[in-house]
Amino acid sequence: MTTRLDELANEFDAREAARKSGAQANIDSVLAAIFEEIGTINRIRIQGWTMGFNDGDPCYHSQAVAVGGDDEYDLLDGEDRDEVDEALATKAANLLASLEGDFEIVYDTNWTLDIVRDEGGGYQVNHSDYDCGY
């Protein structure tokens, strides 16, 4: 017998799946546009993390973005940079940064995404764990 609690749990699961699907669709559309419109961008690295300790203050999810040659956080670890127009790289990085909430919905926290252009002009997303160290 299905109870009202079962029905509510199912409704919640469906809403959560739709929320995650919507966030993934936002991410996919932005990444596709970046790789379609900016042919000199070959890789993007995004890191998301939540500190484990903050002197008693709440710890929140944070995110850093490196697009091709734009690497404010040295996320590319000194690798050769793509020859990307700085204004275009900044525009792409800002757009990806604005999706921080969507990235957190899809990937939770403590991750690195290496997004690289594939031979067909699309992109591949490589997801790995990340430990911010604090």
Protein backbone atom coordinates (compact mmCIF):
# COMPACT_ATOMS: atom_id res chain seq x y z
CA MET A 1 0.00 0.00 0.00
CA THR A 2 1.36 3.40 -1.02
CA THR A 3 1.19 6.01 1.70
CA ARG A 4 1.14 9.78 1.41
CA LEU A 5 4.76 9.77 2.61
CA ASP A 6 5.70 7.43 -0.25
CA GLU A 7 3.96 9.74 -2.73
CA LEU A 8 5.75 12.78 -1.34
CA ALA A 9 9.10 10.99 -1.46
CA ASN A 10 8.48 10.07 -5.11
CA GLU A 11 7.49 13.65 -5.94
CA PHE A 12 10.62 14.97 -4.25
CA ASP A 13 12.81 12.50 -6.16
CA ALA A 14 11.21 13.58 -9.44
CA ARG A 15 11.72 17.29 -8.66
CA GLU A 16 15.33 16.68 -7.67
CA ALA A 17 15.99 14.74 -10.88
CA ALA A 18 14.44 17.57 -12.93
CA ARG A 19 16.54 20.14 -11.07
CA LYS A 20 19.73 18.17 -11.76
CA SER A 21 18.75 17.65 -15.39
CA GLY A 22 18.11 21.38 -15.82
CA ALA A 23 21.47 22.26 -14.28
CA GLN A 24 23.23 19.78 -16.57
CA ALA A 25 21.43 21.26 -19.59
CA ASN A 26 22.64 24.76 -18.61
CA ILE A 27 26.23 23.54 -18.30
CA ASP A 28 26.08 21.62 -21.58
CA SER A 29 24.67 24.57 -23.54
CA VAL A 30 27.34 26.96 -22.26
CA LEU A 31 30.21 24.54 -22.90
CA ALA A 32 28.93 23.75 -26.40
CA ALA A 33 28.69 27.47 -27.22
CA ILE A 34 32.20 28.16 -25.90
CA PHE A 35 33.80 25.38 -27.96
CA GLU A 36 31.74 26.26 -31.06
CA GLU A 37 32.34 29.99 -30.97
CA ILE A 38 35.91 30.23 -29.66
CA GLY A 39 38.01 27.92 -31.80
CA THR A 40 41.24 28.70 -29.97
CA ILE A 41 40.06 27.33 -26.63
CA ASN A 42 41.20 23.74 -26.28
CA ARG A 43 40.77 23.18 -22.56
CA ILE A 44 38.98 24.43 -19.52
CA ARG A 45 39.61 23.44 -15.92
CA ILE A 46 37.06 24.06 -13.20
CA GLN A 47 37.56 23.15 -9.56
CA GLY A 48 34.87 23.11 -6.92
CA TRP A 49 35.48 22.60 -3.22
CA THR A 50 34.20 23.19 0.27
CA MET A 51 36.69 23.95 3.01
CA GLY A 52 36.68 21.55 5.92
CA PHE A 53 37.58 24.19 8.49
CA ASN A 54 36.99 27.94 8.66
CA ASP A 55 37.65 29.03 12.27
CA GLY A 56 34.10 28.22 13.31
CA ASP A 57 32.45 30.10 10.44
CA PRO A 58 30.25 28.19 7.99
CA CYS A 59 32.07 26.53 5.10
CA TYR A 60 30.56 27.07 1.67
CA HIS A 61 31.17 25.66 -1.79
CA SER A 62 33.68 27.67 -3.84
CA GLN A 63 34.71 27.39 -7.47
CA ALA A 64 37.61 28.49 -9.68
CA VAL A 65 37.67 28.52 -13.50
CA ALA A 66 40.60 28.53 -15.95
CA VAL A 67 39.81 28.94 -19.65
CA GLY A 68 42.63 28.35 -22.11
CA GLY A 69 45.06 31.16 -21.43
CA ASP A 70 43.05 32.72 -18.57
CA ASP A 71 44.40 31.10 -15.44
CA GLU A 72 44.03 33.44 -12.49
CA TYR A 73 44.21 30.51 -10.05
CA ASP A 74 47.08 28.65 -11.80
CA LEU A 75 44.75 25.69 -12.19
CA LEU A 76 46.63 24.56 -15.29
CA ASP A 77 49.81 24.10 -13.22
CA GLY A 78 52.11 25.95 -15.59
CA GLU A 79 51.04 23.96 -18.66
CA ASP A 80 51.31 25.70 -22.02
CA ARG A 81 48.44 28.09 -22.39
CA ASP A 82 46.13 28.17 -25.39
CA GLU A 83 46.50 31.26 -27.58
CA VAL A 84 43.13 32.76 -26.70
CA ASP A 85 41.97 36.34 -27.00
CA GLU A 86 41.93 37.54 -23.38
CA ALA A 87 38.53 39.21 -23.70
CA LEU A 88 36.95 36.01 -25.07
CA ALA A 89 38.60 33.87 -22.39
CA THR A 90 37.36 36.24 -19.68
CA LYS A 91 33.84 36.22 -21.12
CA ALA A 92 33.82 32.40 -21.17
CA ALA A 93 35.27 32.17 -17.64
CA ASN A 94 32.71 34.63 -16.27
CA LEU A 95 29.85 32.73 -17.88
CA LEU A 96 31.08 29.45 -16.41
CA ALA A 97 31.56 31.09 -13.01
CA SER A 98 27.94 32.26 -13.12
CA LEU A 99 26.92 28.59 -13.30
CA GLU A 100 28.56 27.78 -9.95
CA GLY A 101 25.22 26.71 -8.46
CA ASP A 102 24.54 24.43 -11.42
CA PHE A 103 27.98 22.82 -11.13
CA GLU A 104 27.35 22.22 -7.42
CA ILE A 105 23.95 20.63 -8.16
CA VAL A 106 25.45 18.25 -10.72
CA TYR A 107 28.86 17.47 -9.17
CA ASP A 108 28.33 18.31 -5.47
CA THR A 109 31.71 19.52 -4.17
CA ASN A 110 35.43 18.62 -4.04
CA TRP A 111 35.98 17.93 -7.73
CA THR A 112 38.05 18.93 -10.73
CA LEU A 113 36.64 19.02 -14.25
CA ASP A 114 39.08 18.94 -17.14
CA ILE A 115 37.11 19.80 -20.25
CA VAL A 116 39.02 19.33 -23.49
CA ARG A 117 38.17 19.90 -27.13
CA ASP A 118 37.79 16.62 -29.01
CA GLU A 119 38.74 15.97 -32.63
CA GLY A 120 35.17 16.51 -33.82
CA GLY A 121 35.03 20.05 -32.44
CA GLY A 122 32.97 19.05 -29.41
CA TYR A 123 34.35 18.42 -25.95
CA GLN A 124 34.95 15.73 -23.36
CA VAL A 125 34.50 16.23 -19.61
CA ASN A 126 36.90 14.38 -17.31
CA HIS A 127 35.75 14.41 -13.69
CA SER A 128 38.09 13.67 -10.76
CA ASP A 129 38.11 14.17 -7.00
CA TYR A 130 39.82 17.23 -5.54
CA ASP A 131 40.99 17.94 -1.99
CA CYS A 132 41.60 21.61 -1.32
CA GLY A 133 43.82 20.71 1.64
CA TYR A 134 42.02 22.75 4.30
